[in-house]
């Protein structure tokens, strides 16, 4: 797992094979039980994985788990409201637990 953290890209399943996806291009990750959808500006990748695994893999300075179902990239945050956040035009809920850390991270990205 340490080798993955040092890499700047992930190999994600796409069609009959795998595609190299730069970590910087990931806008958000959405979880639905054991399925995760990794979303970039150009494509989304659906894989069987845990969101916790992605949380451990991705840089804490760039990515934040804002809810039990969502991890977002601070590079793509457009708006933060009281209980929601907008990432690349899509609105997500923010848990109370993540709210303070999200506001601190957002201030660093101004």
C-alpha atoms as a PDB file:
ATOM      1  CA  UNK A   1       0.000   0.000   0.000  1.00  0.00           C
ATOM      2  CA  UNK A   2       2.899   2.424   0.624  1.00  0.00           C
ATOM      3  CA  UNK A   3       3.926   2.195  -3.030  1.00  0.00           C
ATOM      4  CA  UNK A   4       0.464   3.357  -4.051  1.00  0.00           C
ATOM      5  CA  UNK A   5       0.638   6.405  -1.785  1.00  0.00           C
ATOM      6  CA  UNK A   6       3.907   7.497  -3.423  1.00  0.00           C
ATOM      7  CA  UNK A   7       2.458   7.209  -6.918  1.00  0.00           C
ATOM      8  CA  UNK A   8       0.774  10.091  -8.645  1.00  0.00           C
ATOM      9  CA  UNK A   9      -1.712   7.918 -10.496  1.00  0.00           C
ATOM     10  CA  UNK A  10      -4.067   4.985 -10.020  1.00  0.00           C
ATOM     11  CA  UNK A  11      -4.758   2.093 -12.345  1.00  0.00           C
ATOM     12  CA  UNK A  12      -8.543   1.858 -12.562  1.00  0.00           C
ATOM     13  CA  UNK A  13     -10.631  -0.682 -14.485  1.00  0.00           C
ATOM     14  CA  UNK A  14     -12.062   0.607 -17.725  1.00  0.00           C
ATOM     15  CA  UNK A  15     -13.677  -1.603 -20.350  1.00  0.00           C
ATOM     16  CA  UNK A  16     -11.720  -4.826 -20.842  1.00  0.00           C
ATOM     17  CA  UNK A  17      -8.552  -3.470 -19.160  1.00  0.00           C
ATOM     18  CA  UNK A  18      -7.171  -0.796 -16.881  1.00  0.00           C
ATOM     19  CA  UNK A  19      -6.553   2.890 -17.412  1.00  0.00           C
ATOM     20  CA  UNK A  20      -3.879   5.072 -15.804  1.00  0.00           C
ATOM     21  CA  UNK A  21      -5.647   7.947 -13.994  1.00  0.00           C
ATOM     22  CA  UNK A  22      -3.666  10.881 -12.546  1.00  0.00           C
ATOM     23  CA  UNK A  23      -4.632  11.428  -8.903  1.00  0.00           C
ATOM     24  CA  UNK A  24      -4.740  15.199  -9.520  1.00  0.00           C
ATOM     25  CA  UNK A  25      -7.580  14.650 -12.024  1.00  0.00           C
ATOM     26  CA  UNK A  26      -9.908  12.971  -9.487  1.00  0.00           C
ATOM     27  CA  UNK A  27     -12.743  15.331  -8.533  1.00  0.00           C
ATOM     28  CA  UNK A  28     -14.558  13.103  -6.041  1.00  0.00           C
ATOM     29  CA  UNK A  29     -15.210   9.525  -5.008  1.00  0.00           C
ATOM     30  CA  UNK A  30     -18.697   8.293  -4.206  1.00  0.00           C
ATOM     31  CA  UNK A  31     -19.380   5.078  -2.330  1.00  0.00           C
ATOM     32  CA  UNK A  32     -22.443   2.863  -2.384  1.00  0.00           C
ATOM     33  CA  UNK A  33     -21.679  -0.043  -0.066  1.00  0.00           C
ATOM     34  CA  UNK A  34     -18.856  -1.983  -1.807  1.00  0.00           C
ATOM     35  CA  UNK A  35     -19.000  -0.057  -5.077  1.00  0.00           C
ATOM     36  CA  UNK A  36     -17.003   3.151  -5.475  1.00  0.00           C
ATOM     37  CA  UNK A  37     -17.337   5.594  -8.329  1.00  0.00           C
ATOM     38  CA  UNK A  38     -14.158   7.573  -9.018  1.00  0.00           C
ATOM     39  CA  UNK A  39     -15.046  10.707 -10.991  1.00  0.00           C
ATOM     40  CA  UNK A  40     -12.768  12.858 -13.152  1.00  0.00           C
ATOM     41  CA  UNK A  41     -13.734  15.647 -15.569  1.00  0.00           C
ATOM     42  CA  UNK A  42     -13.630  13.219 -18.499  1.00  0.00           C
ATOM     43  CA  UNK A  43     -14.883   9.903 -17.128  1.00  0.00           C
ATOM     44  CA  UNK A  44     -16.102   7.960 -14.129  1.00  0.00           C
ATOM     45  CA  UNK A  45     -14.817   4.558 -13.066  1.00  0.00           C
ATOM     46  CA  UNK A  46     -16.925   2.139 -11.021  1.00  0.00           C
ATOM     47  CA  UNK A  47     -14.981  -0.428  -9.025  1.00  0.00           C
ATOM     48  CA  UNK A  48     -15.513  -2.854  -6.183  1.00  0.00           C
ATOM     49  CA  UNK A  49     -13.548  -1.258  -3.333  1.00  0.00           C
ATOM     50  CA  UNK A  50     -14.058   0.380   0.036  1.00  0.00           C
ATOM     51  CA  UNK A  51     -14.096   4.133   0.425  1.00  0.00           C
ATOM     52  CA  UNK A  52     -11.850   3.674   3.464  1.00  0.00           C
ATOM     53  CA  UNK A  53      -9.171   2.198   1.194  1.00  0.00           C
ATOM     54  CA  UNK A  54      -9.272   5.295  -1.001  1.00  0.00           C
ATOM     55  CA  UNK A  55      -9.225   7.518   2.065  1.00  0.00           C
ATOM     56  CA  UNK A  56      -6.000   5.864   3.238  1.00  0.00           C
ATOM     57  CA  UNK A  57      -4.434   5.991  -0.254  1.00  0.00           C
ATOM     58  CA  UNK A  58      -5.074   9.612  -1.150  1.00  0.00           C
ATOM     59  CA  UNK A  59      -3.176  12.661   0.095  1.00  0.00           C
ATOM     60  CA  UNK A  60      -4.710  14.136   3.244  1.00  0.00           C
ATOM     61  CA  UNK A  61      -3.742  17.649   2.129  1.00  0.00           C
ATOM     62  CA  UNK A  62      -5.651  17.418  -1.131  1.00  0.00           C
ATOM     63  CA  UNK A  63      -8.518  15.005  -0.424  1.00  0.00           C
ATOM     64  CA  UNK A  64     -11.024  15.016   2.429  1.00  0.00           C
ATOM     65  CA  UNK A  65     -13.743  12.587   3.389  1.00  0.00           C
ATOM     66  CA  UNK A  66     -16.715  14.888   3.922  1.00  0.00           C
ATOM     67  CA  UNK A  67     -19.353  12.227   4.543  1.00  0.00           C
ATOM     68  CA  UNK A  68     -19.529   8.475   5.010  1.00  0.00           C
ATOM     69  CA  UNK A  69     -20.169   8.176   1.251  1.00  0.00           C
ATOM     70  CA  UNK A  70     -17.953  10.924  -0.238  1.00  0.00           C
ATOM     71  CA  UNK A  71     -14.321  11.969  -0.602  1.00  0.00           C
ATOM     72  CA  UNK A  72     -13.655  15.228  -2.456  1.00  0.00           C
ATOM     73  CA  UNK A  73     -10.609  16.908  -3.951  1.00  0.00           C
ATOM     74  CA  UNK A  74     -10.084  20.416  -2.595  1.00  0.00           C
ATOM     75  CA  UNK A  75      -8.854  21.448  -6.057  1.00  0.00           C
ATOM     76  CA  UNK A  76     -12.408  21.110  -7.370  1.00  0.00           C
ATOM     77  CA  UNK A  77     -14.396  22.675  -4.487  1.00  0.00           C
ATOM     78  CA  UNK A  78     -16.406  25.653  -5.773  1.00  0.00           C
ATOM     79  CA  UNK A  79     -18.583  26.456  -2.749  1.00  0.00           C
ATOM     80  CA  UNK A  80     -19.015  25.560   0.916  1.00  0.00           C
ATOM     81  CA  UNK A  81     -22.370  26.153   2.616  1.00  0.00           C
ATOM     82  CA  UNK A  82     -23.695  25.326   6.078  1.00  0.00           C
ATOM     83  CA  UNK A  83     -24.220  21.626   5.488  1.00  0.00           C
ATOM     84  CA  UNK A  84     -23.230  21.174   1.869  1.00  0.00           C
ATOM     85  CA  UNK A  85     -20.376  21.565  -0.550  1.00  0.00           C
ATOM     86  CA  UNK A  86     -20.240  21.992  -4.324  1.00  0.00           C
ATOM     87  CA  UNK A  87     -17.571  20.093  -6.235  1.00  0.00           C
ATOM     88  CA  UNK A  88     -17.314  20.532  -9.996  1.00  0.00           C
ATOM     89  CA  UNK A  89     -20.957  21.681 -10.103  1.00  0.00           C
ATOM     90  CA  UNK A  90     -22.380  18.834  -8.005  1.00  0.00           C
ATOM     91  CA  UNK A  91     -23.753  19.358  -4.470  1.00  0.00           C
ATOM     92  CA  UNK A  92     -22.770  16.969  -1.642  1.00  0.00           C
ATOM     93  CA  UNK A  93     -23.775  16.794   2.023  1.00  0.00           C
ATOM     94  CA  UNK A  94     -21.109  17.470   4.658  1.00  0.00           C
ATOM     95  CA  UNK A  95     -21.175  15.591   7.955  1.00  0.00           C
ATOM     96  CA  UNK A  96     -20.863  17.555  11.206  1.00  0.00           C
ATOM     97  CA  UNK A  97     -17.665  15.660  11.915  1.00  0.00           C
ATOM     98  CA  UNK A  98     -16.002  16.830   8.684  1.00  0.00           C
ATOM     99  CA  UNK A  99     -17.299  20.415   8.725  1.00  0.00           C
ATOM    100  CA  UNK A 100     -14.490  22.021  10.771  1.00  0.00           C
ATOM    101  CA  UNK A 101     -11.689  20.256   8.900  1.00  0.00           C
ATOM    102  CA  UNK A 102     -13.324  21.146   5.581  1.00  0.00           C
ATOM    103  CA  UNK A 103     -13.482  24.840   6.463  1.00  0.00           C
ATOM    104  CA  UNK A 104      -9.827  24.832   7.555  1.00  0.00           C
ATOM    105  CA  UNK A 105      -8.730  23.105   4.345  1.00  0.00           C
ATOM    106  CA  UNK A 106     -10.847  25.415   2.188  1.00  0.00           C
ATOM    107  CA  UNK A 107      -9.196  28.497   3.714  1.00  0.00           C
ATOM    108  CA  UNK A 108      -5.781  27.107   2.722  1.00  0.00           C
ATOM    109  CA  UNK A 109      -6.956  26.666  -0.881  1.00  0.00           C
ATOM    110  CA  UNK A 110      -8.211  30.226  -1.366  1.00  0.00           C
END
